Amino acid sequence: MSMQPKGSGEIPVDTVRVARAAFPKGSLAIRVRDELGSLFDDEEFAGLFPSRGRHAWSPGRLALVLVLQFVEGLTDRQAADAVRARIDFKYALGLRLDDPGFDFSILSEFRDRLVQADAGRWVLDGILAAAREKGLLIGRGKARTDSTHVLSAARELCWLEMVAETLRAALNALAAAVPDWLSEVAEPDWFRHYATRAEDSRFPKAPAKRDEIGQRIGSDGMRLLESVTSSGAPAALRTVPEVEVLRQMWVQHFHLVEGEVRRRNPKDRPPGAIRLVTPYDIEARGSVKRDTFWDGFKVHLTETCEPDVPNLITNVVTTVSTIPDVAMTSAIHAGLAARNCLPAEHWVDAGYPTAAHIVAAQDDHGVELHGPVGPDTTPQAQVRSKGHGQDAFIIDWHNRSVTCPGGITTDKWQEALSHRGTPVVRVKFSTSDCRPCPHLRDCVSSPTAERRQLTFRHHEEHDAIGHARSLQQTDRWKERYKIRAGVEGTISQGVQRCGLRRSRYRGLAKTSLQHQLTGAAINLARIDAHLTGAPRARTRTSHFAALRPADHTIDGAK
């Protein structure tokens, strides 16, 4: 399928006339077209199509259809019908009244092209570029970021269902690829146990019986893997994706003990970052955050937060669920820099900032990173009324020496790495100086220790974390930090309007495309709300909660 770039061009006169008559007050699609123009040109997507073949439907228009589809929560079939039948969609796309549209399967094929080229961000970039041109996106202001969990499209499985479905998927794949070979290898009982879905079976409740079934499934899977890897088996069988998933799942759950298949102890299984949770979405991972357990992914949303323009999502990053927020801070700043959307102030929650990130954000991007940083965790700092924390010591960075609260100075300064691999400085005081000191017990936590040792970050990071800790204790900073809470409303809007927390597709790449389209859809909805003067929603408060006296807490304590 080839492409002949045309763009959406001017809106046909008849389409304009009918749309104005049908929508005298306008609609989202009409207002967005009037304010932002056609948004996407075919040339932007030219690299997704070959130079020869049957002409494709306009990719620039398809990109806009995908966004409008997410704005209104439409299925592919409903979106294709809207292009064919709705006058406001024809207006936004610049189509004639008699344009027949396209078959709904075209949307799925176009999404696949976007996924293969990692081009989902182009859609979000196109809307941001149009908003910037119209003065709706202001750079170097304030921005905020937060993440939320995303459930995999594949349903959650118990471990018996997981291994049974993995084996069934491998058998089905081999039955399609090499039916004659599998007929010779398959055991007669396999047809009874694995011909139908595991969810159609009723597993016993007794633990002993369940272990017995797990043992049987493990042995059957091991038997199949041995047959696939035997010298007489076709070499191509080892490259069947479902067979490789079976191998990984069996390594994860089973091992051989004296020649017999046994289930692994939970402590003997691979780490969560590489552990499969379903055979039908091999990139999904299991994770936990406080009281939330889920199998799937995680999405990070960054938005502007200015008073006189709409709050627009400027960066969307989707990861597997096991990657912590702290590992994404630098990647988020790099993404914002690539879009020319870096803020002057970036407000995040406690999961994102570290001393290194605060320094790097300022040095590399000129961004002030604000977010709660962890307290000093040394035992002495926990007893502020008596113990001497690190802030009680005077550090002479130039001379590489440290003076304690008792006036003793040491130059036993060593560059080292922490247990996390980050550069630190370790300083030791002499036993002869510390032992007679009357403040020794205030300096050391162990009752047998006879000298103080300090571990702290390098100069810039040490100063940055100290400044952040002192700043976040002030009332002014706490008041300013309230701005970050607004991103929770964005996540809520994404969940309720676009199904943000449930992946529509399998795999990280397609889930990432879904989130890019979600960000683009929310931006269009917010631009439309700005154009119509719709007020921003306030935090909901129940009628009863509103009666609570100002000097009472939620639990009623004064």
Protein backbone atom coordinates (compact mmCIF):
# COMPACT_ATOMS: atom_id res chain seq x y z
CA MET A 1 0.00 0.00 0.00
CA SER A 2 1.62 3.28 -1.15
CA MET A 3 0.83 6.86 -0.26
CA GLN A 4 0.28 9.95 -2.39
CA PRO A 5 0.63 12.94 0.00
CA LYS A 6 -2.37 15.24 -0.29
CA GLY A 7 -3.11 16.59 3.15
CA SER A 8 -6.59 17.56 4.24
CA GLY A 9 -6.54 20.86 2.33
CA GLU A 10 -9.45 23.23 2.38
CA ILE A 11 -12.82 22.13 3.69
CA PRO A 12 -15.34 21.72 0.83
CA VAL A 13 -17.93 24.49 0.68
CA ASP A 14 -20.91 22.13 0.96
CA THR A 15 -19.37 20.46 4.02
CA VAL A 16 -18.93 23.86 5.68
CA ARG A 17 -22.49 24.91 4.87
CA VAL A 18 -24.09 21.72 6.23
CA ALA A 19 -21.85 21.59 9.31
CA ARG A 20 -22.69 25.20 10.25
CA ALA A 21 -26.38 24.45 9.86
CA ALA A 22 -26.23 21.19 11.80
CA PHE A 23 -23.99 22.55 14.57
CA PRO A 24 -24.76 26.27 14.99
CA LYS A 25 -22.89 26.26 18.30
CA GLY A 26 -20.10 24.07 16.96
CA SER A 27 -18.70 20.81 18.34
CA LEU A 28 -15.31 19.67 19.58
CA ALA A 29 -14.23 18.41 16.17
CA ILE A 30 -15.40 21.59 14.44
CA ARG A 31 -13.86 23.97 16.98
CA VAL A 32 -10.54 22.14 16.95
CA ARG A 33 -10.39 22.31 13.15
CA ASP A 34 -11.24 26.02 13.18
CA GLU A 35 -8.67 26.84 15.86
CA LEU A 36 -5.76 24.50 15.08
CA GLY A 37 -6.18 23.77 11.39
CA SER A 38 -5.71 20.32 9.86
CA LEU A 39 -3.13 19.30 12.53
CA PHE A 40 -1.45 16.50 10.51
CA ASP A 41 -0.01 16.42 7.00
CA ASP A 42 0.44 13.27 4.96
CA GLU A 43 4.13 14.07 4.45
CA GLU A 44 4.79 13.52 8.16
CA PHE A 45 3.88 9.85 7.77
CA ALA A 46 5.40 9.24 4.33
CA GLY A 47 8.11 7.02 5.79
CA LEU A 48 5.51 4.52 6.97
CA PHE A 49 4.47 3.57 3.43
CA PRO A 50 6.30 2.08 0.42
CA SER A 51 6.62 3.98 -2.82
CA ARG A 52 4.54 1.50 -4.83
CA GLY A 53 1.24 -0.26 -4.39
CA ARG A 54 -2.39 0.59 -3.95
CA HIS A 55 -2.97 4.13 -2.67
CA ALA A 56 -3.59 4.35 1.06
CA TRP A 57 -6.24 6.46 2.72
CA SER A 58 -4.75 9.76 3.91
CA PRO A 59 -2.49 8.97 6.94
CA GLY A 60 -2.77 12.56 8.15
CA ARG A 61 -6.53 12.15 8.36
CA LEU A 62 -6.17 8.70 9.92
CA ALA A 63 -4.01 10.17 12.69
CA LEU A 64 -6.74 12.69 13.49
CA VAL A 65 -9.37 9.92 13.41
CA LEU A 66 -7.34 7.97 15.99
CA VAL A 67 -7.24 10.97 18.30
CA LEU A 68 -10.97 11.71 17.90
CA GLN A 69 -11.63 8.03 18.50
CA PHE A 70 -9.94 8.30 21.91
CA VAL A 71 -11.66 11.60 22.66
CA GLU A 72 -15.06 9.96 22.33
CA GLY A 73 -14.17 6.41 23.39
CA LEU A 74 -15.15 4.81 20.07
CA THR A 75 -14.33 1.37 18.76
CA ASP A 76 -12.65 1.05 15.37
CA ARG A 77 -15.96 0.25 13.72
CA GLN A 78 -17.71 3.19 15.41
CA ALA A 79 -14.87 5.55 14.42
CA ALA A 80 -15.06 4.43 10.77
CA ASP A 81 -18.84 4.87 10.83
CA ALA A 82 -18.42 8.37 12.30
CA VAL A 83 -16.13 9.36 9.41
CA ARG A 84 -18.72 8.04 6.97
CA ALA A 85 -21.84 9.49 8.59
CA ARG A 86 -21.05 12.39 10.93
CA ILE A 87 -20.84 15.86 9.46
CA ASP A 88 -18.58 17.22 12.23
CA PHE A 89 -16.02 14.47 11.55
CA LYS A 90 -16.13 15.25 7.83
CA TYR A 91 -15.61 18.92 8.66
CA ALA A 92 -12.60 18.21 10.89
CA LEU A 93 -11.09 15.93 8.24
CA GLY A 94 -11.85 18.23 5.30
CA LEU A 95 -13.94 15.60 3.45
CA ARG A 96 -16.72 15.97 0.90
CA LEU A 97 -20.25 15.13 1.98
CA ASP A 98 -20.30 12.07 -0.30
CA ASP A 99 -16.88 10.73 0.82
CA PRO A 100 -17.36 6.99 1.56
CA GLY A 101 -14.67 6.87 4.25
CA PHE A 102 -12.76 3.62 4.81
CA ASP A 103 -13.14 0.13 6.18
CA PHE A 104 -12.66 -0.01 9.95
CA SER A 105 -9.76 -2.51 9.59
CA ILE A 106 -7.65 0.34 8.14
CA LEU A 107 -7.31 1.81 11.65
CA SER A 108 -5.73 -1.36 13.02
CA GLU A 109 -3.35 -1.53 10.07
CA PHE A 110 -2.37 2.12 10.52
CA ARG A 111 -1.72 1.61 14.24
CA ASP A 112 0.59 -1.28 13.36
CA ARG A 113 2.54 1.03 11.08
CA LEU A 114 2.83 3.62 13.85
CA VAL A 115 4.02 0.97 16.30
CA GLN A 116 6.66 -0.42 13.94
CA ALA A 117 8.15 3.05 13.43
CA ASP A 118 7.68 4.15 17.08
CA ALA A 119 5.68 7.01 15.59
CA GLY A 120 2.98 7.36 18.23
CA ARG A 121 4.77 10.38 19.64
CA TRP A 122 4.39 12.11 16.26
CA VAL A 123 0.66 12.39 16.92
CA LEU A 124 1.13 14.05 20.30
CA ASP A 125 3.89 16.26 18.85
CA GLY A 126 1.59 17.45 16.07
CA ILE A 127 -1.02 18.69 18.52
CA LEU A 128 1.61 20.35 20.72
CA ALA A 129 3.12 22.12 17.71
CA ALA A 130 -0.28 23.47 16.66
CA ALA A 131 -1.05 24.57 20.23
CA ARG A 132 2.30 26.35 20.50
CA GLU A 133 1.65 28.19 17.24
CA LYS A 134 -1.67 29.44 18.61
CA GLY A 135 -0.14 30.55 21.91
CA LEU A 136 -1.82 27.78 23.92
CA LEU A 137 1.47 26.16 24.96
CA ILE A 138 3.95 28.32 26.83
CA GLY A 139 7.50 27.14 27.39
CA ARG A 140 9.61 27.57 30.50
CA GLY A 141 6.68 27.73 32.87
CA LYS A 142 5.60 25.12 35.40
CA ALA A 143 5.02 21.42 34.83
CA ARG A 144 4.10 18.43 36.97
CA THR A 145 4.55 14.69 36.59
CA ASP A 146 3.11 11.55 38.10
CA SER A 147 2.69 7.90 37.16
CA THR A 148 -0.05 5.32 37.45
CA HIS A 149 -0.41 1.59 36.96
CA VAL A 150 -1.74 0.03 33.76
CA LEU A 151 -3.33 -3.42 33.67
CA SER A 152 -2.34 -5.79 30.90
CA ALA A 153 -4.92 -6.65 28.24
CA ALA A 154 -4.47 -10.30 29.20
CA ARG A 155 -6.40 -11.24 32.31
CA GLU A 156 -4.64 -12.11 35.56
CA LEU A 157 -3.96 -15.84 35.98
CA CYS A 158 -3.32 -18.02 39.00
CA TRP A 159 -0.17 -20.09 38.71
CA LEU A 160 -2.00 -23.28 37.62
CA GLU A 161 -3.81 -21.39 34.87
CA MET A 162 -0.56 -19.70 33.89
CA VAL A 163 1.45 -22.88 33.32
CA ALA A 164 -1.51 -24.76 31.80
CA GLU A 165 -2.23 -21.95 29.33
CA THR A 166 1.46 -21.64 28.46
CA LEU A 167 1.62 -25.34 27.60
CA ARG A 168 -1.67 -25.17 25.68
CA ALA A 169 -0.43 -22.17 23.64
CA ALA A 170 2.76 -24.05 22.73
CA LEU A 171 0.81 -27.15 21.70
CA ASN A 172 -1.53 -25.08 19.52
CA ALA A 173 1.39 -23.34 17.82
CA LEU A 174 3.16 -26.64 17.13
CA ALA A 175 -0.09 -28.22 15.91
CA ALA A 176 -0.35 -25.48 13.30
CA ALA A 177 3.34 -25.64 12.31
CA VAL A 178 4.13 -29.39 12.43
CA PRO A 179 0.94 -31.40 12.96
CA ASP A 180 2.44 -34.73 11.90
CA TRP A 181 5.42 -34.43 14.24
CA LEU A 182 3.25 -33.38 17.19
CA SER A 183 0.82 -36.29 16.61
CA GLU A 184 3.71 -38.68 17.17
CA VAL A 185 5.04 -36.87 20.24
CA ALA A 186 1.83 -35.98 22.09
CA GLU A 187 0.72 -38.18 24.96
CA PRO A 188 -2.89 -39.41 24.83
CA ASP A 189 -3.79 -37.54 28.04
CA TRP A 190 -2.64 -34.22 26.56
CA PHE A 191 -5.73 -34.03 24.35
CA ARG A 192 -7.92 -34.36 27.43
CA HIS A 193 -6.03 -31.86 29.57
CA TYR A 194 -4.92 -29.16 27.10
CA ALA A 195 -7.43 -29.14 24.23
CA THR A 196 -9.56 -26.49 25.96
CA ARG A 197 -8.77 -23.38 27.99
CA ALA A 198 -7.61 -23.79 31.54
CA GLU A 199 -10.37 -21.46 32.73
CA ASP A 200 -12.90 -24.04 31.55
CA SER A 201 -11.49 -26.52 34.07
CA ARG A 202 -12.34 -26.62 37.73
CA PHE A 203 -9.15 -26.92 39.72
CA PRO A 204 -9.57 -28.57 43.13
CA LYS A 205 -9.45 -26.44 46.27
CA ALA A 206 -7.30 -28.83 48.33
CA PRO A 207 -3.63 -27.73 48.25
CA ALA A 208 -2.41 -31.31 47.85
CA LYS A 209 -4.62 -31.89 44.81
CA ARG A 210 -3.56 -28.59 43.27
CA ASP A 211 0.10 -29.49 43.79
CA GLU A 212 -0.57 -32.82 42.09
CA ILE A 213 -2.04 -31.07 39.04
CA GLY A 214 0.88 -28.63 38.97
CA GLN A 215 3.28 -31.57 39.08
CA ARG A 216 1.51 -33.19 36.14
CA ILE A 217 1.54 -29.99 34.06
CA GLY A 218 5.23 -29.46 34.85
CA SER A 219 6.13 -32.97 33.77
CA ASP A 220 4.11 -32.69 30.54
CA GLY A 221 5.75 -29.40 29.66
CA MET A 222 9.21 -30.77 30.36
CA ARG A 223 8.43 -33.76 28.15
CA LEU A 224 7.43 -31.45 25.29
CA LEU A 225 10.55 -29.31 25.69
CA GLU A 226 12.76 -32.41 25.62
CA SER A 227 11.04 -33.54 22.43
CA VAL A 228 11.44 -30.13 20.77
CA THR A 229 15.15 -29.96 21.61
CA SER A 230 15.92 -33.59 20.74
CA SER A 231 18.26 -34.36 17.85
CA GLY A 232 15.47 -35.81 15.73
CA ALA A 233 13.16 -32.80 15.97
CA PRO A 234 13.11 -30.15 13.21
CA ALA A 235 15.43 -27.28 14.14
CA ALA A 236 12.75 -24.72 13.23
CA LEU A 237 10.65 -25.80 16.23
CA ARG A 238 13.03 -24.10 18.64
CA THR A 239 12.32 -20.72 17.05
CA VAL A 240 8.54 -20.93 17.51
CA PRO A 241 7.73 -18.00 19.85
CA GLU A 242 5.29 -20.02 21.97
CA VAL A 243 7.95 -22.69 22.55
CA GLU A 244 10.41 -20.07 23.79
CA VAL A 245 7.73 -18.70 26.13
CA LEU A 246 7.16 -22.25 27.40
CA ARG A 247 10.88 -22.65 28.07
CA GLN A 248 11.07 -19.35 29.99
CA MET A 249 7.95 -20.14 32.02
CA TRP A 250 9.24 -23.58 32.93
CA VAL A 251 12.63 -22.21 34.01
CA GLN A 252 10.68 -19.75 36.12
CA HIS A 253 8.41 -22.28 37.84
CA PHE A 254 10.04 -25.73 37.68
CA HIS A 255 13.39 -27.48 38.05
CA LEU A 256 14.71 -31.02 38.11
CA VAL A 257 15.45 -32.65 41.46
CA GLU A 258 17.07 -36.08 41.12
CA GLY A 259 15.55 -36.45 37.67
CA GLU A 260 12.03 -35.46 38.69
CA VAL A 261 10.22 -32.21 37.89
CA ARG A 262 9.54 -30.12 40.99
CA ARG A 263 7.99 -26.71 41.50
CA ARG A 264 10.49 -24.04 42.45
CA ASN A 265 10.44 -22.38 45.83
CA PRO A 266 9.25 -18.75 45.50
CA LYS A 267 12.64 -17.52 46.73
CA ASP A 268 14.35 -19.52 43.97
CA ARG A 269 12.47 -17.86 41.11
CA PRO A 270 13.81 -15.12 38.78
CA PRO A 271 13.43 -11.47 39.82
CA GLY A 272 10.22 -9.68 38.97
CA ALA A 273 11.88 -7.60 36.23
CA ILE A 274 12.21 -10.69 34.01
CA ARG A 275 9.44 -12.91 35.38
CA LEU A 276 6.55 -13.67 32.99
CA VAL A 277 3.02 -13.30 34.34
CA THR A 278 1.05 -14.53 31.32
CA PRO A 279 1.92 -16.35 28.07
CA TYR A 280 -0.27 -13.96 26.10
CA ASP A 281 1.59 -10.73 26.92
CA ILE A 282 5.22 -11.57 27.51
CA GLU A 283 6.21 -7.95 28.16
CA ALA A 284 3.77 -7.47 31.04
CA ARG A 285 5.26 -7.73 34.53
CA GLY A 286 3.85 -8.04 38.02
CA SER A 287 4.46 -5.16 40.40
CA VAL A 288 3.26 -3.62 43.65
CA LYS A 289 2.96 -0.05 44.88
CA ARG A 290 1.75 0.30 48.45
CA ASP A 291 -1.57 -1.60 48.50
CA THR A 292 -1.90 -1.94 44.71
CA PHE A 293 -0.84 -5.18 42.99
CA TRP A 294 -1.08 -5.46 39.22
CA ASP A 295 0.21 -7.24 36.13
CA GLY A 296 1.05 -4.93 33.26
CA PHE A 297 2.81 -1.62 32.75
CA LYS A 298 3.23 1.90 34.12
CA VAL A 299 2.66 5.26 32.43
CA HIS A 300 4.22 8.63 33.34
CA LEU A 301 2.31 11.80 32.39
CA THR A 302 3.80 15.30 32.38
CA GLU A 303 1.60 18.36 31.90
CA THR A 304 1.87 22.11 31.99
CA CYS A 305 0.12 23.96 34.82
CA GLU A 306 -0.34 27.60 33.89
CA PRO A 307 -3.36 29.71 34.93
CA ASP A 308 -4.36 31.38 31.64
CA VAL A 309 -3.84 28.59 29.10
CA PRO A 310 -5.04 24.98 29.02
CA ASN A 311 -2.99 22.42 30.93
CA LEU A 312 -1.56 20.30 28.12
CA ILE A 313 0.18 16.94 28.38
CA THR A 314 3.67 17.47 27.01
CA ASN A 315 5.27 14.06 27.57
CA VAL A 316 4.03 10.49 27.90
CA VAL A 317 6.32 7.57 28.75
CA THR A 318 5.19 3.97 29.12
CA THR A 319 7.39 1.36 30.81
CA VAL A 320 7.09 -2.11 32.23
CA SER A 321 5.63 -2.05 35.72
CA THR A 322 8.85 -2.98 37.53
CA ILE A 323 10.78 0.18 36.59
CA PRO A 324 10.65 2.60 39.55
CA ASP A 325 9.74 6.27 39.15
CA VAL A 326 13.22 7.37 40.21
CA ALA A 327 14.71 5.66 37.16
CA MET A 328 12.55 7.76 34.81
CA THR A 329 13.33 11.31 35.96
CA SER A 330 16.21 11.85 33.53
CA ALA A 331 14.32 10.16 30.67
CA ILE A 332 11.34 12.47 31.23
CA HIS A 333 13.55 15.54 31.09
CA ALA A 334 15.20 14.25 27.92
CA GLY A 335 11.77 13.74 26.33
CA LEU A 336 10.66 17.23 27.30
CA ALA A 337 13.88 18.68 25.89
CA ALA A 338 13.35 16.85 22.58
CA ARG A 339 9.88 18.43 22.31
CA ASN A 340 11.13 21.86 23.40
CA CYS A 341 8.73 21.66 26.34
CA LEU A 342 11.13 21.93 29.28
CA PRO A 343 9.66 23.86 32.20
CA ALA A 344 11.43 26.25 34.51
CA GLU A 345 9.89 24.47 37.53
CA HIS A 346 9.10 20.79 37.55
CA TRP A 347 6.93 19.48 40.41
CA VAL A 348 6.97 15.75 41.12
CA ASP A 349 6.10 13.38 43.94
CA ALA A 350 8.50 11.64 46.31
CA GLY A 351 9.24 8.79 43.89
CA TYR A 352 11.16 10.90 41.36
CA PRO A 353 13.78 13.25 42.88
CA THR A 354 17.21 12.39 44.24
CA ALA A 355 20.19 14.62 44.88
CA ALA A 356 21.72 13.57 41.56
CA HIS A 357 18.49 14.34 39.70
CA ILE A 358 18.14 17.79 41.27
CA VAL A 359 21.69 18.69 40.22
CA ALA A 360 21.41 17.14 36.74
CA ALA A 361 18.07 18.83 36.02
CA GLN A 362 19.57 22.24 36.81
CA ASP A 363 22.93 21.68 35.09
CA ASP A 364 21.70 19.88 31.96
CA HIS A 365 18.33 21.54 31.36
CA GLY A 366 18.06 24.59 33.61
CA VAL A 367 15.07 23.02 35.39
CA GLU A 368 14.31 23.44 39.08
CA LEU A 369 13.19 19.99 40.20
CA HIS A 370 10.87 20.13 43.20
CA GLY A 371 9.59 17.17 45.13
CA PRO A 372 9.79 15.64 48.61
CA VAL A 373 13.23 14.15 49.18
CA GLY A 374 13.94 11.49 51.74
CA PRO A 375 15.06 12.56 55.24
CA ASP A 376 18.49 11.95 56.71
CA THR A 377 18.27 8.28 57.68
CA THR A 378 21.34 8.10 59.92
CA PRO A 379 20.48 6.91 63.45
CA GLN A 380 21.85 10.14 64.94
CA ALA A 381 19.50 12.25 62.80
CA GLN A 382 16.51 10.32 64.12
CA VAL A 383 17.22 11.65 67.63
CA ARG A 384 17.39 15.36 66.89
CA SER A 385 17.25 16.40 70.55
CA LYS A 386 20.46 14.56 71.35
CA GLY A 387 22.19 12.92 68.38
CA HIS A 388 24.55 14.68 65.99
CA GLY A 389 23.40 14.22 62.40
CA GLN A 390 25.51 15.01 59.36
CA ASP A 391 24.36 18.62 59.36
CA ALA A 392 26.21 19.08 62.68
CA PHE A 393 29.58 18.52 60.93
CA ILE A 394 31.44 21.22 59.00
CA ILE A 395 32.74 20.02 55.64
CA ASP A 396 35.73 21.79 54.07
CA TRP A 397 35.40 20.69 50.46
CA HIS A 398 38.50 22.54 49.30
CA ASN A 399 40.83 20.97 51.85
CA ARG A 400 38.93 17.65 51.93
CA SER A 401 38.46 17.65 55.68
CA VAL A 402 35.58 17.48 58.18
CA THR A 403 35.22 19.08 61.62
CA CYS A 404 32.96 17.46 64.22
CA PRO A 405 30.73 19.28 66.76
CA GLY A 406 33.50 18.84 69.34
CA GLY A 407 35.99 20.78 67.23
CA ILE A 408 38.08 17.81 66.04
CA THR A 409 39.12 17.86 62.37
CA THR A 410 39.95 14.82 60.24
CA ASP A 411 41.37 14.53 56.74
CA LYS A 412 40.79 10.78 56.33
CA TRP A 413 38.80 11.37 53.16
CA GLN A 414 38.08 8.58 50.68
CA GLU A 415 36.23 8.57 47.35
CA ALA A 416 34.05 5.46 47.09
CA LEU A 417 30.84 3.97 45.72
CA SER A 418 27.70 3.28 47.70
CA HIS A 419 25.92 -0.08 47.68
CA ARG A 420 23.76 1.36 44.86
CA GLY A 421 26.86 2.25 42.82
CA THR A 422 26.60 6.04 43.26
CA PRO A 423 29.76 8.10 44.02
CA VAL A 424 30.09 9.02 47.68
CA VAL A 425 32.70 10.31 50.12
CA ARG A 426 33.60 8.33 53.23
CA VAL A 427 35.25 10.11 56.18
CA LYS A 428 36.63 8.50 59.33
CA PHE A 429 37.60 10.08 62.63
CA SER A 430 40.45 8.74 64.71
CA THR A 431 39.68 6.44 67.62
CA SER A 432 42.14 8.35 69.79
CA ASP A 433 40.15 11.55 69.19
CA CYS A 434 36.67 10.06 69.57
CA ARG A 435 37.15 7.70 72.52
CA PRO A 436 37.74 10.43 75.19
CA CYS A 437 35.13 12.77 73.68
CA PRO A 438 32.14 13.35 76.03
CA HIS A 439 29.83 13.51 72.97
CA LEU A 440 30.82 10.08 71.59
CA ARG A 441 27.45 8.42 72.40
CA ASP A 442 25.68 11.29 70.60
CA CYS A 443 27.76 10.65 67.50
CA VAL A 444 27.67 6.87 67.17
CA SER A 445 24.69 4.52 67.25
CA SER A 446 26.44 1.33 68.28
CA PRO A 447 27.18 1.00 72.02
CA THR A 448 30.56 -0.55 71.21
CA ALA A 449 31.68 1.88 68.49
CA GLU A 450 34.65 4.07 69.40
CA ARG A 451 34.73 6.51 66.49
CA ARG A 452 32.41 8.27 64.05
CA GLN A 453 32.32 7.52 60.34
CA LEU A 454 30.45 9.63 57.78
CA THR A 455 29.22 8.84 54.28
CA PHE A 456 27.88 11.71 52.18
CA ARG A 457 27.43 12.71 48.58
CA HIS A 458 29.74 14.89 46.54
CA HIS A 459 29.68 18.65 47.00
CA GLU A 460 26.91 19.71 44.60
CA GLU A 461 24.62 16.84 45.50
CA HIS A 462 25.26 17.24 49.23
CA ASP A 463 24.37 20.91 49.11
CA ALA A 464 21.36 20.25 46.86
CA ILE A 465 19.84 17.62 49.12
CA GLY A 466 20.47 19.73 52.22
CA HIS A 467 18.85 22.76 50.62
CA ALA A 468 15.87 20.70 49.44
CA ARG A 469 15.33 19.19 52.89
CA SER A 470 15.37 22.56 54.60
CA LEU A 471 13.22 24.20 51.91
CA GLN A 472 10.46 21.61 52.03
CA GLN A 473 9.97 22.24 55.75
CA THR A 474 8.83 25.82 55.10
CA ASP A 475 5.16 26.77 54.82
CA ARG A 476 5.79 28.61 51.56
CA TRP A 477 7.18 25.51 49.87
CA LYS A 478 4.32 23.39 51.15
CA GLU A 479 1.84 25.87 49.76
CA ARG A 480 3.60 25.94 46.38
CA TYR A 481 3.80 22.14 46.30
CA LYS A 482 0.00 21.93 46.22
CA ILE A 483 0.27 22.58 42.47
CA ARG A 484 1.48 19.02 41.95
CA ALA A 485 -1.83 17.53 43.12
CA GLY A 486 -3.51 18.66 39.90
CA VAL A 487 -1.85 15.89 37.92
CA GLU A 488 -4.03 13.42 39.83
CA GLY A 489 -7.01 15.00 38.06
CA THR A 490 -5.28 14.40 34.73
CA ILE A 491 -4.82 10.73 35.55
CA SER A 492 -8.49 10.56 36.57
CA GLN A 493 -9.54 12.17 33.29
CA GLY A 494 -7.39 9.71 31.36
CA VAL A 495 -8.91 6.78 33.25
CA GLN A 496 -12.54 7.87 32.91
CA ARG A 497 -12.41 9.22 29.37
CA CYS A 498 -9.83 7.01 27.66
CA GLY A 499 -9.41 3.90 29.83
CA LEU A 500 -5.85 4.83 30.76
CA ARG A 501 -5.39 2.08 33.36
CA ARG A 502 -6.36 -0.82 31.10
CA SER A 503 -4.28 -1.62 28.05
CA ARG A 504 -6.36 -2.12 24.91
CA TYR A 505 -3.58 -4.06 23.23
CA ARG A 506 -0.91 -6.61 24.06
CA GLY A 507 2.73 -5.63 24.37
CA LEU A 508 4.63 -2.57 25.51
CA ALA A 509 4.86 -0.93 22.07
CA LYS A 510 1.12 -0.97 21.40
CA THR A 511 0.31 0.06 24.96
CA SER A 512 2.72 2.98 24.55
CA LEU A 513 0.88 4.03 21.36
CA GLN A 514 -2.41 3.89 23.27
CA HIS A 515 -1.01 6.26 25.89
CA GLN A 516 0.36 8.69 23.29
CA LEU A 517 -3.09 8.81 21.71
CA THR A 518 -4.64 9.23 25.15
CA GLY A 519 -2.39 12.24 25.82
CA ALA A 520 -3.31 13.72 22.43
CA ALA A 521 -7.02 13.16 23.07
CA ILE A 522 -6.91 14.82 26.49
CA ASN A 523 -5.11 17.79 24.94
CA LEU A 524 -7.81 18.22 22.32
CA ALA A 525 -10.53 18.01 24.97
CA ARG A 526 -8.75 20.61 27.10
CA ILE A 527 -8.17 22.94 24.17
CA ASP A 528 -11.87 22.69 23.34
CA ALA A 529 -12.79 23.41 26.98
CA HIS A 530 -10.50 26.46 26.87
CA LEU A 531 -12.13 27.71 23.67
CA THR A 532 -15.63 27.37 25.11
CA GLY A 533 -14.68 28.93 28.44
CA ALA A 534 -15.53 25.83 30.47
CA PRO A 535 -14.26 26.30 34.04
CA ARG A 536 -11.72 23.88 35.40
CA ALA A 537 -13.15 21.27 37.71
CA ARG A 538 -12.55 21.64 41.42
CA THR A 539 -11.78 18.88 43.89
CA ARG A 540 -15.02 17.15 44.79
CA THR A 541 -16.24 17.52 48.36
CA SER A 542 -19.32 15.74 49.69
CA HIS A 543 -22.06 17.78 51.34
CA PHE A 544 -21.34 16.19 54.71
CA ALA A 545 -17.57 16.74 54.48
CA ALA A 546 -18.22 20.40 53.71
CA LEU A 547 -19.88 20.77 57.14
CA ARG A 548 -16.68 19.82 58.98
CA PRO A 549 -15.37 22.70 61.14
CA ALA A 550 -12.13 24.20 59.93
CA ASP A 551 -10.32 23.41 63.20
CA HIS A 552 -11.19 19.70 63.09
CA THR A 553 -9.33 16.95 61.26
CA ILE A 554 -11.08 14.21 59.35
CA ASP A 555 -11.10 11.85 62.32
CA GLY A 556 -12.60 14.56 64.52
CA ALA A 557 -9.51 15.28 66.61
CA LYS A 558 -8.76 18.94 67.24
